[in-house]
Amino acid sequence: MSLKDYKLKQKNSRIEREKSLENEIEEMRKACTLEKYMSQVPEFISGTRKPLPSWKRSMLAQKIANEDMRRQEENLRVKNLQFVTVIPLQRKYEEKFHEWKSQRYPIRHKSKS
């Protein structure tokens, strides 16, 4: 496999991961409906028997829904980033290993520069 093929394969896999991430986010947004969060908003004003107006309940439910969507989207993006950052960390440790090896065995080791 040539370097060009490898880079093309990496680029295609990155594009596929980004598309799948966007699809997951879109599905998550469709699943987060206002009715799902209306049950989390109280019907009465706290400490009284006075009912909370329906427009205010829907606004509070919308606020909860937006916050939940933001958290879920952030979690999905963090999971995607963790998958992507594994390879650069491996390179970092390989460089440290070669550095250590050159100090330990200076005659036999040729530096990778």
N, C-alpha and C. Protein backbone atom coordinates (compact mmCIF):
# COMPACT_ATOMS: atom_id res chain seq x y z
N MET A 1 0.85 -1.17 0.00
CA MET A 1 0.00 0.00 0.00
C MET A 1 0.90 1.24 0.00
N SER A 2 0.65 2.11 -0.91
CA SER A 2 1.46 3.32 -1.00
C SER A 2 0.96 4.36 -0.01
N LEU A 3 1.75 5.37 0.18
CA LEU A 3 1.41 6.44 1.11
C LEU A 3 0.16 7.18 0.64
N LYS A 4 0.05 7.36 -0.66
CA LYS A 4 -1.12 8.05 -1.22
C LYS A 4 -2.40 7.27 -0.92
N ASP A 5 -2.33 5.95 -1.11
CA ASP A 5 -3.50 5.10 -0.82
C ASP A 5 -3.86 5.16 0.66
N TYR A 6 -2.84 5.13 1.50
CA TYR A 6 -3.06 5.19 2.95
C TYR A 6 -3.73 6.50 3.35
N LYS A 7 -3.23 7.60 2.82
CA LYS A 7 -3.82 8.91 3.14
C LYS A 7 -5.25 9.01 2.63
N LEU A 8 -5.50 8.48 1.45
CA LEU A 8 -6.85 8.48 0.90
C LEU A 8 -7.80 7.64 1.76
N LYS A 9 -7.30 6.50 2.20
CA LYS A 9 -8.11 5.63 3.07
C LYS A 9 -8.42 6.34 4.39
N GLN A 10 -7.42 7.00 4.97
CA GLN A 10 -7.63 7.73 6.22
C GLN A 10 -8.63 8.86 6.04
N LYS A 11 -8.52 9.56 4.93
CA LYS A 11 -9.43 10.67 4.65
C LYS A 11 -10.86 10.16 4.50
N ASN A 12 -11.03 9.06 3.77
CA ASN A 12 -12.36 8.48 3.58
C ASN A 12 -12.95 7.99 4.89
N SER A 13 -12.13 7.37 5.72
CA SER A 13 -12.64 6.89 7.01
C SER A 13 -13.02 8.07 7.91
N ARG A 14 -12.26 9.15 7.86
CA ARG A 14 -12.59 10.34 8.66
C ARG A 14 -13.91 10.96 8.19
N ILE A 15 -14.09 11.01 6.87
CA ILE A 15 -15.35 11.55 6.32
C ILE A 15 -16.53 10.67 6.73
N GLU A 16 -16.35 9.35 6.69
CA GLU A 16 -17.42 8.43 7.10
C GLU A 16 -17.75 8.61 8.57
N ARG A 17 -16.73 8.76 9.42
CA ARG A 17 -16.97 8.97 10.86
C ARG A 17 -17.74 10.27 11.09
N GLU A 18 -17.37 11.33 10.36
CA GLU A 18 -18.06 12.61 10.51
C GLU A 18 -19.52 12.50 10.07
N LYS A 19 -19.76 11.80 8.96
CA LYS A 19 -21.14 11.61 8.49
C LYS A 19 -21.95 10.81 9.49
N SER A 20 -21.36 9.75 10.02
CA SER A 20 -22.10 8.94 11.00
C SER A 20 -22.36 9.73 12.27
N LEU A 21 -21.41 10.59 12.66
CA LEU A 21 -21.62 11.44 13.84
C LEU A 21 -22.77 12.41 13.60
N GLU A 22 -22.80 13.02 12.42
CA GLU A 22 -23.89 13.95 12.10
C GLU A 22 -25.24 13.23 12.06
N ASN A 23 -25.25 11.99 11.54
CA ASN A 23 -26.49 11.21 11.51
C ASN A 23 -26.96 10.88 12.92
N GLU A 24 -26.02 10.51 13.80
CA GLU A 24 -26.38 10.21 15.19
C GLU A 24 -26.94 11.45 15.88
N ILE A 25 -26.33 12.60 15.62
CA ILE A 25 -26.80 13.85 16.23
C ILE A 25 -28.20 14.18 15.72
N GLU A 26 -28.43 13.99 14.43
CA GLU A 26 -29.75 14.27 13.85
C GLU A 26 -30.81 13.35 14.44
N GLU A 27 -30.49 12.06 14.59
CA GLU A 27 -31.43 11.12 15.19
C GLU A 27 -31.72 11.50 16.64
N MET A 28 -30.69 11.91 17.36
CA MET A 28 -30.85 12.31 18.75
C MET A 28 -31.76 13.54 18.85
N ARG A 29 -31.61 14.48 17.94
CA ARG A 29 -32.45 15.68 17.95
C ARG A 29 -33.91 15.33 17.65
N LYS A 30 -34.12 14.38 16.74
CA LYS A 30 -35.49 13.96 16.44
C LYS A 30 -36.12 13.26 17.64
N ALA A 31 -35.32 12.53 18.41
CA ALA A 31 -35.84 11.80 19.57
C ALA A 31 -36.16 12.74 20.73
N CYS A 32 -35.50 13.89 20.80
CA CYS A 32 -35.74 14.84 21.89
C CYS A 32 -36.90 15.75 21.53
N THR A 33 -38.10 15.30 21.84
CA THR A 33 -39.29 16.10 21.54
C THR A 33 -39.72 16.86 22.79
N LEU A 34 -40.52 17.88 22.58
CA LEU A 34 -41.00 18.71 23.69
C LEU A 34 -41.88 17.91 24.64
N GLU A 35 -42.69 17.00 24.10
CA GLU A 35 -43.58 16.19 24.94
C GLU A 35 -42.80 15.31 25.91
N LYS A 36 -41.63 14.88 25.48
CA LYS A 36 -40.80 14.04 26.33
C LYS A 36 -40.37 14.79 27.60
N TYR A 37 -40.17 16.09 27.49
CA TYR A 37 -39.67 16.88 28.61
C TYR A 37 -40.77 17.60 29.39
N MET A 38 -41.99 17.61 28.87
CA MET A 38 -43.10 18.26 29.58
C MET A 38 -43.37 17.59 30.92
N SER A 39 -43.15 16.28 31.00
CA SER A 39 -43.39 15.56 32.25
C SER A 39 -42.39 15.96 33.34
N GLN A 40 -41.25 16.52 32.96
CA GLN A 40 -40.24 16.92 33.94
C GLN A 40 -40.54 18.29 34.55
N VAL A 41 -41.42 19.05 33.92
CA VAL A 41 -41.76 20.39 34.41
C VAL A 41 -42.98 20.27 35.33
N PRO A 42 -42.91 20.86 36.53
CA PRO A 42 -44.05 20.75 37.45
C PRO A 42 -45.29 21.47 36.92
N GLU A 43 -46.47 20.97 37.33
CA GLU A 43 -47.72 21.57 36.89
C GLU A 43 -48.10 22.79 37.73
N PHE A 44 -47.60 22.82 38.97
CA PHE A 44 -47.94 23.91 39.87
C PHE A 44 -46.70 24.69 40.24
N ILE A 45 -46.90 25.96 40.59
CA ILE A 45 -45.80 26.79 41.08
C ILE A 45 -45.36 26.21 42.41
N SER A 46 -44.06 26.10 42.62
CA SER A 46 -43.55 25.44 43.82
C SER A 46 -44.08 26.10 45.10
N GLY A 47 -44.60 25.27 45.99
CA GLY A 47 -45.09 25.74 47.27
C GLY A 47 -46.51 26.26 47.25
N THR A 48 -47.19 26.27 46.12
CA THR A 48 -48.56 26.77 46.05
C THR A 48 -49.42 25.81 45.25
N ARG A 49 -50.71 26.08 45.24
CA ARG A 49 -51.65 25.29 44.44
C ARG A 49 -51.98 25.98 43.13
N LYS A 50 -51.29 27.07 42.86
CA LYS A 50 -51.55 27.85 41.66
C LYS A 50 -50.91 27.14 40.46
N PRO A 51 -51.69 26.84 39.42
CA PRO A 51 -51.12 26.14 38.26
C PRO A 51 -50.17 27.03 37.45
N LEU A 52 -49.16 26.39 36.93
CA LEU A 52 -48.18 27.07 36.07
C LEU A 52 -48.80 27.23 34.69
N PRO A 53 -48.74 28.41 34.08
CA PRO A 53 -49.32 28.58 32.75
C PRO A 53 -48.68 27.63 31.73
N SER A 54 -49.49 27.19 30.78
CA SER A 54 -49.01 26.20 29.81
C SER A 54 -47.87 26.75 28.95
N TRP A 55 -47.91 28.05 28.60
CA TRP A 55 -46.84 28.63 27.79
C TRP A 55 -45.52 28.63 28.56
N LYS A 56 -45.62 28.85 29.89
CA LYS A 56 -44.40 28.87 30.70
C LYS A 56 -43.85 27.45 30.88
N ARG A 57 -44.76 26.49 31.04
CA ARG A 57 -44.33 25.09 31.13
C ARG A 57 -43.63 24.66 29.85
N SER A 58 -44.18 25.06 28.71
CA SER A 58 -43.55 24.67 27.44
C SER A 58 -42.19 25.35 27.25
N MET A 59 -42.07 26.59 27.73
CA MET A 59 -40.76 27.27 27.64
C MET A 59 -39.73 26.58 28.53
N LEU A 60 -40.14 26.20 29.74
CA LEU A 60 -39.22 25.49 30.64
C LEU A 60 -38.84 24.12 30.07
N ALA A 61 -39.81 23.43 29.47
CA ALA A 61 -39.53 22.14 28.85
C ALA A 61 -38.57 22.31 27.67
N GLN A 62 -38.75 23.37 26.91
CA GLN A 62 -37.85 23.64 25.78
C GLN A 62 -36.43 23.91 26.27
N LYS A 63 -36.32 24.62 27.38
CA LYS A 63 -35.01 24.91 27.96
C LYS A 63 -34.32 23.62 28.40
N ILE A 64 -35.08 22.73 29.05
CA ILE A 64 -34.53 21.44 29.48
C ILE A 64 -34.13 20.61 28.27
N ALA A 65 -34.95 20.61 27.23
CA ALA A 65 -34.66 19.84 26.02
C ALA A 65 -33.39 20.34 25.34
N ASN A 66 -33.24 21.65 25.24
CA ASN A 66 -32.04 22.21 24.61
C ASN A 66 -30.79 21.86 25.40
N GLU A 67 -30.87 21.92 26.72
CA GLU A 67 -29.72 21.59 27.56
C GLU A 67 -29.36 20.11 27.40
N ASP A 68 -30.37 19.25 27.38
CA ASP A 68 -30.13 17.82 27.22
C ASP A 68 -29.53 17.51 25.85
N MET A 69 -30.05 18.15 24.80
CA MET A 69 -29.50 17.94 23.45
C MET A 69 -28.05 18.40 23.38
N ARG A 70 -27.75 19.53 24.02
CA ARG A 70 -26.38 20.04 24.01
C ARG A 70 -25.44 19.05 24.70
N ARG A 71 -25.86 18.50 25.85
CA ARG A 71 -25.03 17.53 26.57
C ARG A 71 -24.81 16.26 25.76
N GLN A 72 -25.88 15.74 25.17
CA GLN A 72 -25.75 14.52 24.38
C GLN A 72 -24.87 14.72 23.16
N GLU A 73 -25.01 15.86 22.51
CA GLU A 73 -24.18 16.17 21.34
C GLU A 73 -22.72 16.28 21.75
N GLU A 74 -22.47 16.92 22.88
CA GLU A 74 -21.10 17.05 23.37
C GLU A 74 -20.51 15.68 23.68
N ASN A 75 -21.29 14.80 24.29
CA ASN A 75 -20.80 13.45 24.59
C ASN A 75 -20.47 12.68 23.32
N LEU A 76 -21.31 12.81 22.30
CA LEU A 76 -21.03 12.14 21.03
C LEU A 76 -19.75 12.67 20.40
N ARG A 77 -19.57 13.97 20.44
CA ARG A 77 -18.36 14.56 19.85
C ARG A 77 -17.10 14.15 20.63
N VAL A 78 -17.21 14.05 21.96
CA VAL A 78 -16.06 13.62 22.77
C VAL A 78 -15.70 12.18 22.44
N LYS A 79 -16.71 11.32 22.30
CA LYS A 79 -16.44 9.93 21.93
C LYS A 79 -15.74 9.85 20.58
N ASN A 80 -16.17 10.68 19.64
CA ASN A 80 -15.55 10.70 18.31
C ASN A 80 -14.11 11.20 18.41
N LEU A 81 -13.87 12.21 19.23
CA LEU A 81 -12.51 12.73 19.40
C LEU A 81 -11.59 11.71 20.04
N GLN A 82 -12.10 10.94 21.01
CA GLN A 82 -11.27 9.93 21.65
C GLN A 82 -10.83 8.89 20.63
N PHE A 83 -11.70 8.56 19.70
CA PHE A 83 -11.36 7.60 18.66
C PHE A 83 -10.27 8.15 17.75
N VAL A 84 -10.34 9.43 17.44
CA VAL A 84 -9.41 10.05 16.49
C VAL A 84 -8.04 10.28 17.11
N THR A 85 -7.95 10.57 18.41
CA THR A 85 -6.68 10.97 19.02
C THR A 85 -5.80 9.80 19.44
N VAL A 86 -6.20 8.57 19.20
CA VAL A 86 -5.38 7.43 19.61
C VAL A 86 -4.09 7.37 18.80
N ILE A 87 -4.14 7.59 17.51
CA ILE A 87 -2.97 7.45 16.65
C ILE A 87 -1.88 8.48 16.97
N PRO A 88 -2.19 9.78 17.13
CA PRO A 88 -1.13 10.72 17.47
C PRO A 88 -0.45 10.41 18.80
N LEU A 89 -1.19 9.90 19.78
CA LEU A 89 -0.58 9.53 21.05
C LEU A 89 0.41 8.39 20.86
N GLN A 90 0.08 7.45 20.01
CA GLN A 90 0.97 6.34 19.75
C GLN A 90 2.28 6.85 19.14
N ARG A 91 2.21 7.80 18.22
CA ARG A 91 3.41 8.37 17.62
C ARG A 91 4.26 9.07 18.66
N LYS A 92 3.60 9.77 19.59
CA LYS A 92 4.32 10.49 20.64
C LYS A 92 5.13 9.51 21.48
N TYR A 93 4.53 8.37 21.84
CA TYR A 93 5.23 7.39 22.66
C TYR A 93 6.32 6.67 21.87
N GLU A 94 6.13 6.50 20.57
CA GLU A 94 7.18 5.91 19.75
C GLU A 94 8.40 6.82 19.73
N GLU A 95 8.18 8.13 19.63
CA GLU A 95 9.30 9.07 19.65
C GLU A 95 10.03 9.01 20.98
N LYS A 96 9.30 8.92 22.08
CA LYS A 96 9.94 8.81 23.39
C LYS A 96 10.74 7.52 23.50
N PHE A 97 10.21 6.44 22.94
CA PHE A 97 10.91 5.17 22.99
C PHE A 97 12.24 5.26 22.23
N HIS A 98 12.21 5.85 21.04
CA HIS A 98 13.43 5.97 20.26
C HIS A 98 14.44 6.88 20.96
N GLU A 99 13.95 7.89 21.63
CA GLU A 99 14.83 8.77 22.40
C GLU A 99 15.50 7.99 23.52
N TRP A 100 14.70 7.20 24.24
CA TRP A 100 15.22 6.41 25.34
C TRP A 100 16.22 5.38 24.83
N LYS A 101 15.89 4.75 23.70
CA LYS A 101 16.75 3.71 23.15
C LYS A 101 18.09 4.29 22.70
N SER A 102 18.08 5.49 22.15
CA SER A 102 19.33 6.11 21.71
C SER A 102 20.21 6.47 22.90
N GLN A 103 19.62 6.77 24.03
CA GLN A 103 20.41 7.06 25.23
C GLN A 103 20.96 5.78 25.84
N ARG A 104 20.19 4.74 25.78
CA ARG A 104 20.58 3.48 26.40
C ARG A 104 21.61 2.73 25.55
N TYR A 105 21.41 2.73 24.25
CA TYR A 105 22.31 2.04 23.32
C TYR A 105 22.77 3.02 22.25
N PRO A 106 23.67 3.92 22.56
CA PRO A 106 24.03 4.97 21.60
C PRO A 106 24.76 4.47 20.35
N ILE A 107 25.50 3.38 20.44
CA ILE A 107 26.29 2.92 19.30
C ILE A 107 25.41 2.19 18.28
N ARG A 108 24.56 1.31 18.75
CA ARG A 108 23.77 0.49 17.84
C ARG A 108 22.54 1.19 17.28
N HIS A 109 22.08 2.19 17.97
CA HIS A 109 20.82 2.82 17.57
C HIS A 109 21.06 4.00 16.63
N LYS A 110 20.32 4.02 15.56
CA LYS A 110 20.36 5.15 14.64
C LYS A 110 19.08 5.94 14.85
N SER A 111 19.20 7.23 15.03
CA SER A 111 18.02 8.06 15.29
C SER A 111 17.16 8.16 14.03
N LYS A 112 15.87 8.31 14.26
CA LYS A 112 14.93 8.46 13.14
C LYS A 112 14.71 9.94 12.92
N SER A 113 15.48 10.55 12.07
CA SER A 113 15.31 11.97 11.77
C SER A 113 15.27 12.19 10.29
